[in-house]
Amino acid sequence: RDSRRPSSWKEPTVTRSKEEAIEMVSAFRAQLAAAPDLPAAFAQLASQESHCSSAKQGGDLGPFGKGQMQKAFEDATFALQVGEMSGIVDSDSGIHIILRTA
């Protein structure tokens, strides 16, 4: 409910607080960190839990360059090595986990 657009394909109205979202996403991140196949686990979790339209592609946003995403999201993405997963990322759109694939 604290994001710039508190609705998604999954929920017409998102009512959880930022703190609740961080707690939920932190648990997802711990689950992913323990997965033997991170890319597969990330895709499966994203397809079930992500509120982004990229959920239909297993969380894959496709290629993007600098200046195409919100600054917090972009900065976190480009700070990662390929194959590396981010910590919790807070942007104007909500709370994220990023797995850099390219």
C-alpha atoms as a PDB file:
ATOM      1  CA  ARG A   1       0.000   0.000   0.000  1.00  0.00           C
ATOM      2  CA  ASP A   2       3.033   2.284   0.302  1.00  0.00           C
ATOM      3  CA  SER A   3       4.092   1.898  -3.342  1.00  0.00           C
ATOM      4  CA  ARG A   4       3.404   4.416  -6.095  1.00  0.00           C
ATOM      5  CA  ARG A   5       0.681   2.132  -7.498  1.00  0.00           C
ATOM      6  CA  PRO A   6      -0.714  -0.147  -4.764  1.00  0.00           C
ATOM      7  CA  SER A   7      -2.363  -2.637  -7.116  1.00  0.00           C
ATOM      8  CA  SER A   8      -1.211  -5.434  -9.354  1.00  0.00           C
ATOM      9  CA  TRP A   9      -2.335  -8.276 -11.584  1.00  0.00           C
ATOM     10  CA  LYS A  10      -2.387 -10.387  -8.422  1.00  0.00           C
ATOM     11  CA  GLU A  11      -4.266  -8.059  -6.069  1.00  0.00           C
ATOM     12  CA  PRO A  12      -6.565  -5.235  -7.178  1.00  0.00           C
ATOM     13  CA  THR A  13      -5.702  -3.371  -3.973  1.00  0.00           C
ATOM     14  CA  VAL A  14      -2.510  -4.118  -2.071  1.00  0.00           C
ATOM     15  CA  THR A  15      -3.129  -3.509   1.627  1.00  0.00           C
ATOM     16  CA  ARG A  16       0.090  -4.709   3.291  1.00  0.00           C
ATOM     17  CA  SER A  17       2.432  -2.122   4.773  1.00  0.00           C
ATOM     18  CA  LYS A  18       6.024  -1.658   3.644  1.00  0.00           C
ATOM     19  CA  GLU A  19       7.174  -3.379   6.835  1.00  0.00           C
ATOM     20  CA  GLU A  20       4.936  -6.383   6.130  1.00  0.00           C
ATOM     21  CA  ALA A  21       6.213  -6.534   2.542  1.00  0.00           C
ATOM     22  CA  ILE A  22       9.832  -6.431   3.714  1.00  0.00           C
ATOM     23  CA  GLU A  23       9.166  -9.273   6.147  1.00  0.00           C
ATOM     24  CA  MET A  24       7.475 -11.349   3.455  1.00  0.00           C
ATOM     25  CA  VAL A  25      10.155 -10.684   0.828  1.00  0.00           C
ATOM     26  CA  SER A  26      12.922 -11.370   3.356  1.00  0.00           C
ATOM     27  CA  ALA A  27      11.438 -14.829   3.925  1.00  0.00           C
ATOM     28  CA  PHE A  28      11.314 -15.383   0.148  1.00  0.00           C
ATOM     29  CA  ARG A  29      14.962 -14.324  -0.138  1.00  0.00           C
ATOM     30  CA  ALA A  30      16.007 -16.786   2.577  1.00  0.00           C
ATOM     31  CA  GLN A  31      14.133 -19.542   0.754  1.00  0.00           C
ATOM     32  CA  LEU A  32      15.894 -18.638  -2.510  1.00  0.00           C
ATOM     33  CA  ALA A  33      19.327 -18.435  -0.870  1.00  0.00           C
ATOM     34  CA  ALA A  34      18.941 -22.055   0.239  1.00  0.00           C
ATOM     35  CA  ALA A  35      17.833 -23.307  -3.181  1.00  0.00           C
ATOM     36  CA  PRO A  36      20.214 -25.638  -5.015  1.00  0.00           C
ATOM     37  CA  ASP A  37      19.220 -24.098  -8.384  1.00  0.00           C
ATOM     38  CA  LEU A  38      18.790 -20.367  -7.785  1.00  0.00           C
ATOM     39  CA  PRO A  39      17.629 -19.370 -11.303  1.00  0.00           C
ATOM     40  CA  ALA A  40      14.941 -22.073 -11.383  1.00  0.00           C
ATOM     41  CA  ALA A  41      13.802 -21.333  -7.830  1.00  0.00           C
ATOM     42  CA  PHE A  42      13.700 -17.591  -8.553  1.00  0.00           C
ATOM     43  CA  ALA A  43      11.596 -18.115 -11.694  1.00  0.00           C
ATOM     44  CA  GLN A  44       9.176 -20.407  -9.900  1.00  0.00           C
ATOM     45  CA  LEU A  45       8.795 -18.102  -6.891  1.00  0.00           C
ATOM     46  CA  ALA A  46       8.439 -15.006  -9.063  1.00  0.00           C
ATOM     47  CA  SER A  47       5.746 -16.641 -11.180  1.00  0.00           C
ATOM     48  CA  GLN A  48       3.744 -17.410  -8.027  1.00  0.00           C
ATOM     49  CA  GLU A  49       4.454 -14.447  -5.752  1.00  0.00           C
ATOM     50  CA  SER A  50       5.583 -11.427  -7.789  1.00  0.00           C
ATOM     51  CA  HIS A  51       3.140  -8.584  -8.249  1.00  0.00           C
ATOM     52  CA  CYS A  52       5.051  -7.374 -11.307  1.00  0.00           C
ATOM     53  CA  SER A  53       3.734  -8.210 -14.774  1.00  0.00           C
ATOM     54  CA  SER A  54       7.090  -9.983 -15.283  1.00  0.00           C
ATOM     55  CA  ALA A  55       5.719 -12.801 -13.103  1.00  0.00           C
ATOM     56  CA  LYS A  56       4.397 -14.360 -16.305  1.00  0.00           C
ATOM     57  CA  GLN A  57       8.048 -14.665 -17.450  1.00  0.00           C
ATOM     58  CA  GLY A  58       9.314 -15.985 -14.117  1.00  0.00           C
ATOM     59  CA  GLY A  59      10.331 -12.490 -13.029  1.00  0.00           C
ATOM     60  CA  ASP A  60      12.463 -11.859 -16.126  1.00  0.00           C
ATOM     61  CA  LEU A  61      12.324  -8.172 -17.088  1.00  0.00           C
ATOM     62  CA  GLY A  62      14.410  -8.722 -20.201  1.00  0.00           C
ATOM     63  CA  PRO A  63      17.383  -6.547 -21.069  1.00  0.00           C
ATOM     64  CA  PHE A  64      17.384  -2.922 -19.970  1.00  0.00           C
ATOM     65  CA  GLY A  65      19.939  -0.179 -19.820  1.00  0.00           C
ATOM     66  CA  LYS A  66      20.700   2.683 -17.506  1.00  0.00           C
ATOM     67  CA  GLY A  67      17.923   5.235 -17.241  1.00  0.00           C
ATOM     68  CA  GLN A  68      15.142   2.750 -18.001  1.00  0.00           C
ATOM     69  CA  MET A  69      14.208   1.708 -14.458  1.00  0.00           C
ATOM     70  CA  GLN A  70      13.663   3.530 -11.193  1.00  0.00           C
ATOM     71  CA  LYS A  71      16.997   4.634  -9.751  1.00  0.00           C
ATOM     72  CA  ALA A  72      16.965   2.409  -6.642  1.00  0.00           C
ATOM     73  CA  PHE A  73      16.132  -0.656  -8.727  1.00  0.00           C
ATOM     74  CA  GLU A  74      18.639   0.204 -11.434  1.00  0.00           C
ATOM     75  CA  ASP A  75      21.447   0.958  -8.972  1.00  0.00           C
ATOM     76  CA  ALA A  76      20.877  -2.350  -7.197  1.00  0.00           C
ATOM     77  CA  THR A  77      20.766  -4.283 -10.472  1.00  0.00           C
ATOM     78  CA  PHE A  78      23.957  -2.872 -11.933  1.00  0.00           C
ATOM     79  CA  ALA A  79      25.807  -3.344  -8.635  1.00  0.00           C
ATOM     80  CA  LEU A  80      25.276  -7.117  -8.918  1.00  0.00           C
ATOM     81  CA  GLN A  81      27.465  -9.594 -10.761  1.00  0.00           C
ATOM     82  CA  VAL A  82      25.729 -11.881 -13.259  1.00  0.00           C
ATOM     83  CA  GLY A  83      24.188 -14.744 -11.275  1.00  0.00           C
ATOM     84  CA  GLU A  84      24.137 -12.748  -8.038  1.00  0.00           C
ATOM     85  CA  MET A  85      20.967 -12.088  -6.029  1.00  0.00           C
ATOM     86  CA  SER A  86      20.336  -8.764  -4.337  1.00  0.00           C
ATOM     87  CA  GLY A  87      19.330  -8.062  -0.811  1.00  0.00           C
ATOM     88  CA  ILE A  88      16.014  -6.358  -0.237  1.00  0.00           C
ATOM     89  CA  VAL A  89      15.559  -3.445  -2.652  1.00  0.00           C
ATOM     90  CA  ASP A  90      13.087  -0.675  -1.830  1.00  0.00           C
ATOM     91  CA  SER A  91      11.854   1.398  -4.781  1.00  0.00           C
ATOM     92  CA  ASP A  92       8.856   3.626  -5.422  1.00  0.00           C
ATOM     93  CA  SER A  93       7.130   0.553  -6.877  1.00  0.00           C
ATOM     94  CA  GLY A  94       7.621  -1.602  -3.803  1.00  0.00           C
ATOM     95  CA  ILE A  95       9.990  -4.159  -2.327  1.00  0.00           C
ATOM     96  CA  HIS A  96      12.070  -6.368  -4.609  1.00  0.00           C
ATOM     97  CA  ILE A  97      14.599  -9.171  -4.858  1.00  0.00           C
ATOM     98  CA  ILE A  98      16.707  -8.988  -8.009  1.00  0.00           C
ATOM     99  CA  LEU A  99      18.566 -11.844  -9.667  1.00  0.00           C
ATOM    100  CA  ARG A 100      20.916 -10.497 -12.310  1.00  0.00           C
ATOM    101  CA  THR A 101      21.008 -12.833 -15.295  1.00  0.00           C
ATOM    102  CA  ALA A 102      22.932 -10.774 -17.883  1.00  0.00           C
END
